[in-house]
PDB file of N, CA and C in Angstrom:
ATOM      1  N   UNK A   1      77.180 -29.757   7.012  1.00  0.00           N
ATOM      2  CA  UNK A   1      75.852 -29.920   6.746  1.00  0.00           C
ATOM      3  C   UNK A   1      75.043 -28.485   7.154  1.00  0.00           C
ATOM      4  N   UNK A   2      73.949 -27.905   6.867  1.00  0.00           N
ATOM      5  CA  UNK A   2      73.142 -26.782   7.856  1.00  0.00           C
ATOM      6  C   UNK A   2      71.325 -27.968   7.720  1.00  0.00           C
ATOM      7  N   UNK A   3      71.146 -28.048   8.773  1.00  0.00           N
ATOM      8  CA  UNK A   3      70.199 -28.398   8.629  1.00  0.00           C
ATOM      9  C   UNK A   3      69.036 -27.525   9.502  1.00  0.00           C
ATOM     10  N   UNK A   4      68.049 -26.767   8.899  1.00  0.00           N
ATOM     11  CA  UNK A   4      66.846 -26.236   9.583  1.00  0.00           C
ATOM     12  C   UNK A   4      65.443 -27.223  10.354  1.00  0.00           C
ATOM     13  N   UNK A   5      65.047 -27.373  11.184  1.00  0.00           N
ATOM     14  CA  UNK A   5      64.424 -27.599  12.089  1.00  0.00           C
ATOM     15  C   UNK A   5      63.356 -27.506  12.665  1.00  0.00           C
ATOM     16  N   UNK A   6      62.078 -27.328  12.033  1.00  0.00           N
ATOM     17  CA  UNK A   6      61.076 -26.633  12.666  1.00  0.00           C
ATOM     18  C   UNK A   6      60.322 -27.200  13.825  1.00  0.00           C
ATOM     19  N   UNK A   7      60.577 -26.610  15.145  1.00  0.00           N
ATOM     20  CA  UNK A   7      59.768 -27.277  16.519  1.00  0.00           C
ATOM     21  C   UNK A   7      58.375 -26.358  16.540  1.00  0.00           C
ATOM     22  N   UNK A   8      57.131 -26.836  16.389  1.00  0.00           N
ATOM     23  CA  UNK A   8      56.077 -26.510  16.274  1.00  0.00           C
ATOM     24  C   UNK A   8      55.664 -26.204  17.830  1.00  0.00           C
ATOM     25  N   UNK A   9      55.602 -25.188  18.294  1.00  0.00           N
ATOM     26  CA  UNK A   9      55.036 -24.470  19.803  1.00  0.00           C
ATOM     27  C   UNK A   9      53.660 -23.975  19.879  1.00  0.00           C
ATOM     28  N   UNK A  10      52.693 -24.364  20.446  1.00  0.00           N
ATOM     29  CA  UNK A  10      51.377 -24.388  21.146  1.00  0.00           C
ATOM     30  C   UNK A  10      51.820 -22.738  21.819  1.00  0.00           C
ATOM     31  N   UNK A  11      50.661 -21.609  20.657  1.00  0.00           N
ATOM     32  CA  UNK A  11      51.034 -20.375  21.611  1.00  0.00           C
ATOM     33  C   UNK A  11      49.798 -19.967  21.575  1.00  0.00           C
ATOM     34  N   UNK A  12      48.549 -20.748  21.348  1.00  0.00           N
ATOM     35  CA  UNK A  12      47.601 -20.493  21.721  1.00  0.00           C
ATOM     36  C   UNK A  12      46.189 -20.933  21.311  1.00  0.00           C
ATOM     37  N   UNK A  13      44.748 -20.653  21.714  1.00  0.00           N
ATOM     38  CA  UNK A  13      43.402 -20.851  20.521  1.00  0.00           C
ATOM     39  C   UNK A  13      43.315 -20.199  19.952  1.00  0.00           C
ATOM     40  N   UNK A  14      42.518 -20.473  19.078  1.00  0.00           N
ATOM     41  CA  UNK A  14      41.805 -19.431  17.556  1.00  0.00           C
ATOM     42  C   UNK A  14      41.377 -18.600  18.215  1.00  0.00           C
ATOM     43  N   UNK A  15      40.405 -18.504  19.143  1.00  0.00           N
ATOM     44  CA  UNK A  15      39.713 -18.032  20.163  1.00  0.00           C
ATOM     45  C   UNK A  15      39.910 -16.784  20.634  1.00  0.00           C
ATOM     46  N   UNK A  16      41.608 -17.102  21.227  1.00  0.00           N
ATOM     47  CA  UNK A  16      42.733 -16.226  21.974  1.00  0.00           C
ATOM     48  C   UNK A  16      42.767 -14.517  20.938  1.00  0.00           C
ATOM     49  N   UNK A  17      42.852 -15.377  19.520  1.00  0.00           N
ATOM     50  CA  UNK A  17      43.189 -13.809  18.745  1.00  0.00           C
ATOM     51  C   UNK A  17      41.732 -13.544  18.298  1.00  0.00           C
ATOM     52  N   UNK A  18      41.291 -12.160  18.602  1.00  0.00           N
ATOM     53  CA  UNK A  18      40.188 -11.672  17.627  1.00  0.00           C
ATOM     54  C   UNK A  18      40.033 -11.444  16.057  1.00  0.00           C
ATOM     55  N   UNK A  19      39.251 -12.370  15.638  1.00  0.00           N
ATOM     56  CA  UNK A  19      39.012 -11.545  14.037  1.00  0.00           C
ATOM     57  C   UNK A  19      39.634 -10.476  13.911  1.00  0.00           C
ATOM     58  N   UNK A  20      40.259 -10.715  12.929  1.00  0.00           N
ATOM     59  CA  UNK A  20      41.103  -8.887  12.083  1.00  0.00           C
ATOM     60  C   UNK A  20      41.623  -8.036  13.751  1.00  0.00           C
ATOM     61  N   UNK A  21      42.464  -9.203  13.817  1.00  0.00           N
ATOM     62  CA  UNK A  21      43.349  -8.581  15.075  1.00  0.00           C
ATOM     63  C   UNK A  21      44.741  -9.316  15.142  1.00  0.00           C
ATOM     64  N   UNK A  22      45.039  -9.294  16.606  1.00  0.00           N
ATOM     65  CA  UNK A  22      46.430  -9.624  16.683  1.00  0.00           C
ATOM     66  C   UNK A  22      46.596  -9.638  18.438  1.00  0.00           C
ATOM     67  N   UNK A  23      47.463 -11.120  18.023  1.00  0.00           N
ATOM     68  CA  UNK A  23      48.373 -11.555  19.840  1.00  0.00           C
ATOM     69  C   UNK A  23      49.555 -11.751  19.428  1.00  0.00           C
ATOM     70  N   UNK A  24      50.062 -11.833  20.869  1.00  0.00           N
ATOM     71  CA  UNK A  24      52.047 -11.249  20.878  1.00  0.00           C
ATOM     72  C   UNK A  24      52.440 -12.341  21.801  1.00  0.00           C
ATOM     73  N   UNK A  25      53.363 -13.170  20.487  1.00  0.00           N
ATOM     74  CA  UNK A  25      54.449 -13.868  21.670  1.00  0.00           C
ATOM     75  C   UNK A  25      55.678 -13.540  21.354  1.00  0.00           C
ATOM     76  N   UNK A  26      56.453 -13.750  22.730  1.00  0.00           N
ATOM     77  CA  UNK A  26      57.933 -13.942  22.743  1.00  0.00           C
ATOM     78  C   UNK A  26      58.943 -14.666  22.473  1.00  0.00           C
ATOM     79  N   UNK A  27      59.534 -14.517  21.741  1.00  0.00           N
ATOM     80  CA  UNK A  27      60.816 -15.664  21.527  1.00  0.00           C
ATOM     81  C   UNK A  27      61.899 -14.699  21.515  1.00  0.00           C
ATOM     82  N   UNK A  28      62.755 -15.233  22.908  1.00  0.00           N
ATOM     83  CA  UNK A  28      63.800 -14.662  22.977  1.00  0.00           C
ATOM     84  C   UNK A  28      63.628 -12.524  23.249  1.00  0.00           C
ATOM     85  N   UNK A  29      64.069 -12.086  22.756  1.00  0.00           N
ATOM     86  CA  UNK A  29      64.249 -10.791  22.147  1.00  0.00           C
ATOM     87  C   UNK A  29      63.310 -10.361  21.925  1.00  0.00           C
ATOM     88  N   UNK A  30      62.609 -11.218  20.797  1.00  0.00           N
ATOM     89  CA  UNK A  30      61.952 -11.182  19.589  1.00  0.00           C
ATOM     90  C   UNK A  30      60.102 -10.632  19.661  1.00  0.00           C
ATOM     91  N   UNK A  31      59.491  -9.706  19.746  1.00  0.00           N
ATOM     92  CA  UNK A  31      58.421 -10.214  19.766  1.00  0.00           C
ATOM     93  C   UNK A  31      57.611 -10.981  17.926  1.00  0.00           C
ATOM     94  N   UNK A  32      56.513 -11.785  18.288  1.00  0.00           N
ATOM     95  CA  UNK A  32      55.865 -12.367  17.455  1.00  0.00           C
ATOM     96  C   UNK A  32      54.743 -11.744  17.158  1.00  0.00           C
ATOM     97  N   UNK A  33      54.123 -11.641  16.286  1.00  0.00           N
ATOM     98  CA  UNK A  33      52.533 -11.283  16.370  1.00  0.00           C
ATOM     99  C   UNK A  33      51.289 -12.318  15.102  1.00  0.00           C
ATOM    100  N   UNK A  34      50.684 -12.750  16.299  1.00  0.00           N
ATOM    101  CA  UNK A  34      49.808 -14.351  14.979  1.00  0.00           C
ATOM    102  C   UNK A  34      48.596 -13.130  14.983  1.00  0.00           C
ATOM    103  N   UNK A  35      48.459 -12.860  13.534  1.00  0.00           N
ATOM    104  CA  UNK A  35      47.198 -12.683  13.274  1.00  0.00           C
ATOM    105  C   UNK A  35      46.140 -13.681  12.260  1.00  0.00           C
ATOM    106  N   UNK A  36      44.650 -13.057  13.213  1.00  0.00           N
ATOM    107  CA  UNK A  36      43.233 -13.609  12.361  1.00  0.00           C
ATOM    108  C   UNK A  36      42.787 -12.941  11.549  1.00  0.00           C
ATOM    109  N   UNK A  37      42.520 -13.457  10.268  1.00  0.00           N
ATOM    110  CA  UNK A  37      41.614 -12.649   9.176  1.00  0.00           C
ATOM    111  C   UNK A  37      40.763 -12.597   9.727  1.00  0.00           C
ATOM    112  N   UNK A  38      39.896 -12.243   8.718  1.00  0.00           N
ATOM    113  CA  UNK A  38      38.340 -12.029   8.753  1.00  0.00           C
ATOM    114  C   UNK A  38      37.636 -13.542   8.582  1.00  0.00           C
ATOM    115  N   UNK A  39      38.445 -14.193   7.713  1.00  0.00           N
ATOM    116  CA  UNK A  39      38.370 -15.446   7.678  1.00  0.00           C
ATOM    117  C   UNK A  39      38.476 -17.265   7.929  1.00  0.00           C
ATOM    118  N   UNK A  40      39.478 -17.031   9.056  1.00  0.00           N
ATOM    119  CA  UNK A  40      39.973 -17.488  10.582  1.00  0.00           C
ATOM    120  C   UNK A  40      41.138 -17.663  10.108  1.00  0.00           C
ATOM    121  N   UNK A  41      41.612 -17.040   8.659  1.00  0.00           N
ATOM    122  CA  UNK A  41      43.012 -17.867   8.290  1.00  0.00           C
ATOM    123  C   UNK A  41      44.340 -16.845   9.448  1.00  0.00           C
ATOM    124  N   UNK A  42      45.466 -17.471   9.828  1.00  0.00           N
ATOM    125  CA  UNK A  42      45.990 -17.211  10.610  1.00  0.00           C
ATOM    126  C   UNK A  42      48.167 -16.869  10.328  1.00  0.00           C
ATOM    127  N   UNK A  43      48.335 -16.245  10.219  1.00  0.00           N
ATOM    128  CA  UNK A  43      49.923 -15.680   9.806  1.00  0.00           C
ATOM    129  C   UNK A  43      51.000 -15.284  11.449  1.00  0.00           C
ATOM    130  N   UNK A  44      51.760 -15.286  11.193  1.00  0.00           N
ATOM    131  CA  UNK A  44      52.695 -14.809  12.088  1.00  0.00           C
ATOM    132  C   UNK A  44      54.047 -13.641  10.815  1.00  0.00           C
ATOM    133  N   UNK A  45      53.705 -12.790  11.717  1.00  0.00           N
ATOM    134  CA  UNK A  45      55.391 -11.847  11.889  1.00  0.00           C
ATOM    135  C   UNK A  45      55.663 -11.173  13.130  1.00  0.00           C
ATOM    136  N   UNK A  46      56.982 -10.507  12.665  1.00  0.00           N
ATOM    137  CA  UNK A  46      57.429 -10.070  13.508  1.00  0.00           C
ATOM    138  C   UNK A  46      56.689  -8.818  14.116  1.00  0.00           C
ATOM    139  N   UNK A  47      56.686  -8.590  15.615  1.00  0.00           N
ATOM    140  CA  UNK A  47      55.843  -7.116  15.718  1.00  0.00           C
ATOM    141  C   UNK A  47      56.149  -5.885  15.610  1.00  0.00           C
ATOM    142  N   UNK A  48      57.370  -5.794  13.910  1.00  0.00           N
ATOM    143  CA  UNK A  48      57.694  -4.524  13.877  1.00  0.00           C
ATOM    144  C   UNK A  48      57.664  -3.888  12.246  1.00  0.00           C
ATOM    145  N   UNK A  49      57.206  -2.916  12.323  1.00  0.00           N
ATOM    146  CA  UNK A  49      57.049  -2.137  10.810  1.00  0.00           C
ATOM    147  C   UNK A  49      57.929  -1.757  10.491  1.00  0.00           C
ATOM    148  N   UNK A  50      58.814  -2.727   8.881  1.00  0.00           N
ATOM    149  CA  UNK A  50      60.223  -2.169   8.529  1.00  0.00           C
ATOM    150  C   UNK A  50      59.983  -0.283   8.261  1.00  0.00           C
ATOM    151  N   UNK A  51      59.339   0.154   8.273  1.00  0.00           N
ATOM    152  CA  UNK A  51      59.323   1.536   8.385  1.00  0.00           C
ATOM    153  C   UNK A  51      59.859   2.180   9.552  1.00  0.00           C
ATOM    154  N   UNK A  52      58.770   2.013  10.955  1.00  0.00           N
ATOM    155  CA  UNK A  52      59.920   3.468  11.968  1.00  0.00           C
ATOM    156  C   UNK A  52      59.535   1.826  13.030  1.00  0.00           C
ATOM    157  N   UNK A  53      59.652   0.671  12.554  1.00  0.00           N
ATOM    158  CA  UNK A  53      59.550  -0.350  13.790  1.00  0.00           C
ATOM    159  C   UNK A  53      57.954  -0.146  14.780  1.00  0.00           C
ATOM    160  N   UNK A  54      57.016   0.103  14.102  1.00  0.00           N
ATOM    161  CA  UNK A  54      55.897   0.303  14.632  1.00  0.00           C
ATOM    162  C   UNK A  54      55.474  -1.194  15.363  1.00  0.00           C
ATOM    163  N   UNK A  55      54.157  -1.559  15.722  1.00  0.00           N
ATOM    164  CA  UNK A  55      54.107  -2.749  16.613  1.00  0.00           C
ATOM    165  C   UNK A  55      52.796  -3.034  16.068  1.00  0.00           C
ATOM    166  N   UNK A  56      53.028  -3.750  14.379  1.00  0.00           N
ATOM    167  CA  UNK A  56      51.857  -4.220  13.938  1.00  0.00           C
ATOM    168  C   UNK A  56      50.814  -4.681  14.351  1.00  0.00           C
ATOM    169  N   UNK A  57      51.158  -5.350  15.203  1.00  0.00           N
ATOM    170  CA  UNK A  57      50.138  -6.413  16.134  1.00  0.00           C
ATOM    171  C   UNK A  57      48.730  -4.998  16.763  1.00  0.00           C
ATOM    172  N   UNK A  58      49.105  -3.929  16.870  1.00  0.00           N
ATOM    173  CA  UNK A  58      48.149  -2.925  17.162  1.00  0.00           C
ATOM    174  C   UNK A  58      47.605  -2.551  15.968  1.00  0.00           C
ATOM    175  N   UNK A  59      47.732  -2.665  14.379  1.00  0.00           N
ATOM    176  CA  UNK A  59      47.138  -2.281  13.471  1.00  0.00           C
ATOM    177  C   UNK A  59      46.043  -2.910  13.187  1.00  0.00           C
ATOM    178  N   UNK A  60      45.802  -2.453  11.902  1.00  0.00           N
ATOM    179  CA  UNK A  60      43.895  -3.105  11.089  1.00  0.00           C
ATOM    180  C   UNK A  60      44.582  -4.137  10.253  1.00  0.00           C
ATOM    181  N   UNK A  61      43.941  -5.278  10.745  1.00  0.00           N
ATOM    182  CA  UNK A  61      43.638  -6.341   9.784  1.00  0.00           C
ATOM    183  C   UNK A  61      43.143  -6.084   8.338  1.00  0.00           C
ATOM    184  N   UNK A  62      43.005  -6.047   7.324  1.00  0.00           N
ATOM    185  CA  UNK A  62      42.440  -6.269   5.982  1.00  0.00           C
ATOM    186  C   UNK A  62      42.736  -6.554   4.432  1.00  0.00           C
ATOM    187  N   UNK A  63      42.183  -7.581   3.833  1.00  0.00           N
ATOM    188  CA  UNK A  63      42.563  -7.653   2.955  1.00  0.00           C
ATOM    189  C   UNK A  63      43.810  -8.972   2.800  1.00  0.00           C
ATOM    190  N   UNK A  64      44.238  -9.485   3.795  1.00  0.00           N
ATOM    191  CA  UNK A  64      45.236  -9.887   3.768  1.00  0.00           C
ATOM    192  C   UNK A  64      46.682  -9.529   4.169  1.00  0.00           C
ATOM    193  N   UNK A  65      46.571  -7.801   4.525  1.00  0.00           N
ATOM    194  CA  UNK A  65      47.537  -7.195   5.344  1.00  0.00           C
ATOM    195  C   UNK A  65      47.025  -6.740   6.061  1.00  0.00           C
ATOM    196  N   UNK A  66      48.367  -6.035   6.830  1.00  0.00           N
ATOM    197  CA  UNK A  66      47.805  -5.502   8.330  1.00  0.00           C
ATOM    198  C   UNK A  66      48.860  -3.937   8.006  1.00  0.00           C
ATOM    199  N   UNK A  67      47.968  -2.919   8.372  1.00  0.00           N
ATOM    200  CA  UNK A  67      48.591  -1.755   8.380  1.00  0.00           C
ATOM    201  C   UNK A  67      49.161  -1.318   9.685  1.00  0.00           C
ATOM    202  N   UNK A  68      50.220  -0.399   9.657  1.00  0.00           N
ATOM    203  CA  UNK A  68      51.281  -0.081  10.301  1.00  0.00           C
ATOM    204  C   UNK A  68      49.956   1.078  11.109  1.00  0.00           C
ATOM    205  N   UNK A  69      49.245   1.183  12.227  1.00  0.00           N
ATOM    206  CA  UNK A  69      49.739   2.302  13.097  1.00  0.00           C
ATOM    207  C   UNK A  69      49.672   3.338  13.220  1.00  0.00           C
ATOM    208  N   UNK A  70      51.237   3.307  13.114  1.00  0.00           N
ATOM    209  CA  UNK A  70      51.965   4.555  13.152  1.00  0.00           C
ATOM    210  C   UNK A  70      52.070   5.802  11.403  1.00  0.00           C
ATOM    211  N   UNK A  71      51.827   4.797  10.579  1.00  0.00           N
ATOM    212  CA  UNK A  71      52.632   5.702   9.483  1.00  0.00           C
ATOM    213  C   UNK A  71      51.435   5.329   8.314  1.00  0.00           C
ATOM    214  N   UNK A  72      50.488   4.218   8.747  1.00  0.00           N
ATOM    215  CA  UNK A  72      50.199   3.209   7.509  1.00  0.00           C
ATOM    216  C   UNK A  72      50.445   3.067   6.584  1.00  0.00           C
ATOM    217  N   UNK A  73      51.658   2.186   6.869  1.00  0.00           N
ATOM    218  CA  UNK A  73      52.316   1.233   5.488  1.00  0.00           C
ATOM    219  C   UNK A  73      51.399   0.344   5.967  1.00  0.00           C
ATOM    220  N   UNK A  74      51.222  -0.872   4.688  1.00  0.00           N
ATOM    221  CA  UNK A  74      50.594  -1.702   4.081  1.00  0.00           C
ATOM    222  C   UNK A  74      51.568  -2.924   4.485  1.00  0.00           C
ATOM    223  N   UNK A  75      50.956  -3.782   5.513  1.00  0.00           N
ATOM    224  CA  UNK A  75      52.132  -4.858   4.722  1.00  0.00           C
ATOM    225  C   UNK A  75      51.885  -6.471   4.785  1.00  0.00           C
ATOM    226  N   UNK A  76      51.655  -7.643   3.915  1.00  0.00           N
ATOM    227  CA  UNK A  76      50.993  -8.255   3.401  1.00  0.00           C
ATOM    228  C   UNK A  76      51.549  -9.440   4.421  1.00  0.00           C
ATOM    229  N   UNK A  77      50.605  -9.732   5.119  1.00  0.00           N
ATOM    230  CA  UNK A  77      50.315 -11.164   5.910  1.00  0.00           C
ATOM    231  C   UNK A  77      51.133 -12.126   5.569  1.00  0.00           C
ATOM    232  N   UNK A  78      50.833 -11.946   4.636  1.00  0.00           N
ATOM    233  CA  UNK A  78      51.609 -14.173   3.780  1.00  0.00           C
ATOM    234  C   UNK A  78      53.686 -13.445   3.650  1.00  0.00           C
ATOM    235  N   UNK A  79      53.403 -12.464   3.002  1.00  0.00           N
ATOM    236  CA  UNK A  79      54.971 -12.432   2.902  1.00  0.00           C
ATOM    237  C   UNK A  79      55.947 -11.604   3.718  1.00  0.00           C
ATOM    238  N   UNK A  80      55.164 -10.511   4.430  1.00  0.00           N
ATOM    239  CA  UNK A  80      55.756  -9.967   5.142  1.00  0.00           C
ATOM    240  C   UNK A  80      56.828  -8.429   4.126  1.00  0.00           C
ATOM    241  N   UNK A  81      56.066  -8.538   3.157  1.00  0.00           N
ATOM    242  CA  UNK A  81      56.774  -7.336   2.433  1.00  0.00           C
ATOM    243  C   UNK A  81      55.356  -6.104   2.203  1.00  0.00           C
ATOM    244  N   UNK A  82      55.948  -5.200   2.676  1.00  0.00           N
ATOM    245  CA  UNK A  82      55.541  -3.552   2.207  1.00  0.00           C
ATOM    246  C   UNK A  82      54.855  -3.440   0.791  1.00  0.00           C
ATOM    247  N   UNK A  83      53.349  -3.157   1.189  1.00  0.00           N
ATOM    248  CA  UNK A  83      52.912  -3.159  -0.019  1.00  0.00           C
ATOM    249  C   UNK A  83      52.649  -1.630  -0.984  1.00  0.00           C
ATOM    250  N   UNK A  84      51.988  -1.277  -2.236  1.00  0.00           N
ATOM    251  CA  UNK A  84      52.564  -0.265  -2.947  1.00  0.00           C
ATOM    252  C   UNK A  84      53.445   0.374  -3.309  1.00  0.00           C
ATOM    253  N   UNK A  85      53.740   1.520  -2.605  1.00  0.00           N
ATOM    254  CA  UNK A  85      55.248   2.494  -3.350  1.00  0.00           C
ATOM    255  C   UNK A  85      56.094   2.307  -1.940  1.00  0.00           C
ATOM    256  N   UNK A  86      55.332   1.707  -0.981  1.00  0.00           N
ATOM    257  CA  UNK A  86      56.712   1.839   0.010  1.00  0.00           C
ATOM    258  C   UNK A  86      57.686   0.176  -0.086  1.00  0.00           C
ATOM    259  N   UNK A  87      59.047   0.542   0.361  1.00  0.00           N
ATOM    260  CA  UNK A  87      59.600  -1.184   0.390  1.00  0.00           C
ATOM    261  C   UNK A  87      60.102  -1.231   1.981  1.00  0.00           C
ATOM    262  N   UNK A  88      60.602  -2.655   1.750  1.00  0.00           N
ATOM    263  CA  UNK A  88      61.016  -3.166   3.152  1.00  0.00           C
ATOM    264  C   UNK A  88      59.981  -4.166   3.602  1.00  0.00           C
ATOM    265  N   UNK A  89      60.588  -4.732   4.253  1.00  0.00           N
ATOM    266  CA  UNK A  89      59.283  -6.582   4.611  1.00  0.00           C
ATOM    267  C   UNK A  89      59.946  -5.902   5.972  1.00  0.00           C
ATOM    268  N   UNK A  90      59.159  -7.534   6.705  1.00  0.00           N
ATOM    269  CA  UNK A  90      59.388  -8.327   8.686  1.00  0.00           C
ATOM    270  C   UNK A  90      58.880  -9.547   8.279  1.00  0.00           C
ATOM    271  N   UNK A  91      59.611  -9.944   9.184  1.00  0.00           N
ATOM    272  CA  UNK A  91      60.288 -11.106   9.291  1.00  0.00           C
ATOM    273  C   UNK A  91      58.943 -12.022   9.078  1.00  0.00           C
ATOM    274  N   UNK A  92      58.685 -13.141   8.634  1.00  0.00           N
ATOM    275  CA  UNK A  92      57.426 -13.887   9.103  1.00  0.00           C
ATOM    276  C   UNK A  92      57.966 -15.555   9.653  1.00  0.00           C
ATOM    277  N   UNK A  93      56.494 -16.161   9.968  1.00  0.00           N
ATOM    278  CA  UNK A  93      57.203 -17.012  10.707  1.00  0.00           C
ATOM    279  C   UNK A  93      56.251 -18.096  10.779  1.00  0.00           C
ATOM    280  N   UNK A  94      56.020 -19.213  10.375  1.00  0.00           N
ATOM    281  CA  UNK A  94      55.398 -20.113   9.834  1.00  0.00           C
ATOM    282  C   UNK A  94      53.883 -20.418  11.162  1.00  0.00           C
ATOM    283  N   UNK A  95      53.118 -21.032  10.865  1.00  0.00           N
ATOM    284  CA  UNK A  95      51.996 -21.016  11.444  1.00  0.00           C
ATOM    285  C   UNK A  95      50.665 -21.554  11.178  1.00  0.00           C
ATOM    286  N   UNK A  96      50.445 -22.162  11.692  1.00  0.00           N
ATOM    287  CA  UNK A  96      48.977 -23.629  12.039  1.00  0.00           C
ATOM    288  C   UNK A  96      48.185 -23.799  12.683  1.00  0.00           C
ATOM    289  N   UNK A  97      47.067 -23.853  12.372  1.00  0.00           N
ATOM    290  CA  UNK A  97      46.229 -24.657  13.004  1.00  0.00           C
ATOM    291  C   UNK A  97      46.461 -26.261  13.293  1.00  0.00           C
ATOM    292  N   UNK A  98      45.968 -26.446  14.335  1.00  0.00           N
ATOM    293  CA  UNK A  98      45.748 -28.097  14.349  1.00  0.00           C
ATOM    294  C   UNK A  98      44.285 -28.219  15.412  1.00  0.00           C
ATOM    295  N   UNK A  99      43.213 -28.145  14.813  1.00  0.00           N
ATOM    296  CA  UNK A  99      42.074 -28.103  15.543  1.00  0.00           C
ATOM    297  C   UNK A  99      41.729 -26.544  15.816  1.00  0.00           C
ATOM    298  N   UNK A 100      41.774 -26.774  16.890  1.00  0.00           N
ATOM    299  CA  UNK A 100      41.869 -25.191  17.799  1.00  0.00           C
ATOM    300  C   UNK A 100      43.393 -24.887  17.632  1.00  0.00           C
ATOM    301  N   UNK A 101      44.039 -25.099  18.248  1.00  0.00           N
ATOM    302  CA  UNK A 101      45.462 -24.874  18.606  1.00  0.00           C
ATOM    303  C   UNK A 101      45.958 -23.787  17.657  1.00  0.00           C
ATOM    304  N   UNK A 102      46.976 -22.901  17.729  1.00  0.00           N
ATOM    305  CA  UNK A 102      47.598 -22.304  17.078  1.00  0.00           C
ATOM    306  C   UNK A 102      48.459 -22.616  17.767  1.00  0.00           C
ATOM    307  N   UNK A 103      49.625 -22.789  16.199  1.00  0.00           N
ATOM    308  CA  UNK A 103      51.231 -23.355  16.309  1.00  0.00           C
ATOM    309  C   UNK A 103      52.238 -22.986  15.725  1.00  0.00           C
ATOM    310  N   UNK A 104      53.216 -22.654  16.271  1.00  0.00           N
ATOM    311  CA  UNK A 104      54.214 -21.676  15.898  1.00  0.00           C
ATOM    312  C   UNK A 104      55.205 -22.251  15.757  1.00  0.00           C
ATOM    313  N   UNK A 105      56.155 -22.177  14.262  1.00  0.00           N
ATOM    314  CA  UNK A 105      57.285 -22.775  14.327  1.00  0.00           C
ATOM    315  C   UNK A 105      58.405 -22.074  14.090  1.00  0.00           C
ATOM    316  N   UNK A 106      59.209 -22.488  15.112  1.00  0.00           N
ATOM    317  CA  UNK A 106      60.697 -21.696  15.884  1.00  0.00           C
ATOM    318  C   UNK A 106      61.505 -22.546  15.418  1.00  0.00           C
ATOM    319  N   UNK A 107      62.085 -22.237  14.509  1.00  0.00           N
ATOM    320  CA  UNK A 107      64.111 -23.069  13.535  1.00  0.00           C
ATOM    321  C   UNK A 107      64.538 -23.050  14.824  1.00  0.00           C
ATOM    322  N   UNK A 108      65.438 -24.255  14.933  1.00  0.00           N
ATOM    323  CA  UNK A 108      66.033 -24.760  15.197  1.00  0.00           C
ATOM    324  C   UNK A 108      67.520 -25.193  14.428  1.00  0.00           C
ATOM    325  N   UNK A 109      68.870 -24.865  14.701  1.00  0.00           N
ATOM    326  CA  UNK A 109      70.180 -25.032  14.437  1.00  0.00           C
ATOM    327  C   UNK A 109      70.514 -26.835  14.457  1.00  0.00           C
TER     328      UNK A 109
END
């Protein structure tokens, strides 16, 4: 039996992330970008564009997406999928607010 358990880790507060911006956290070798939309929703993606591994955390957040700063690929914050004619995806992670605290779920087996 393979059971996935979520371990929620506080990674900061909502005020730590600028509106329509991102902040990064490390999980082992991986960098995870925590995004905040204009209406204070939070999303977490691996900080790597599926096209050329550009830093999504440095992109522009708009309309539930982030635009990669390298080649303008648009990635859905909700699904991690490339939009339009582009193909590919980046890993997503569960994230939630508990009051003002930003909690990131890291899976444990």
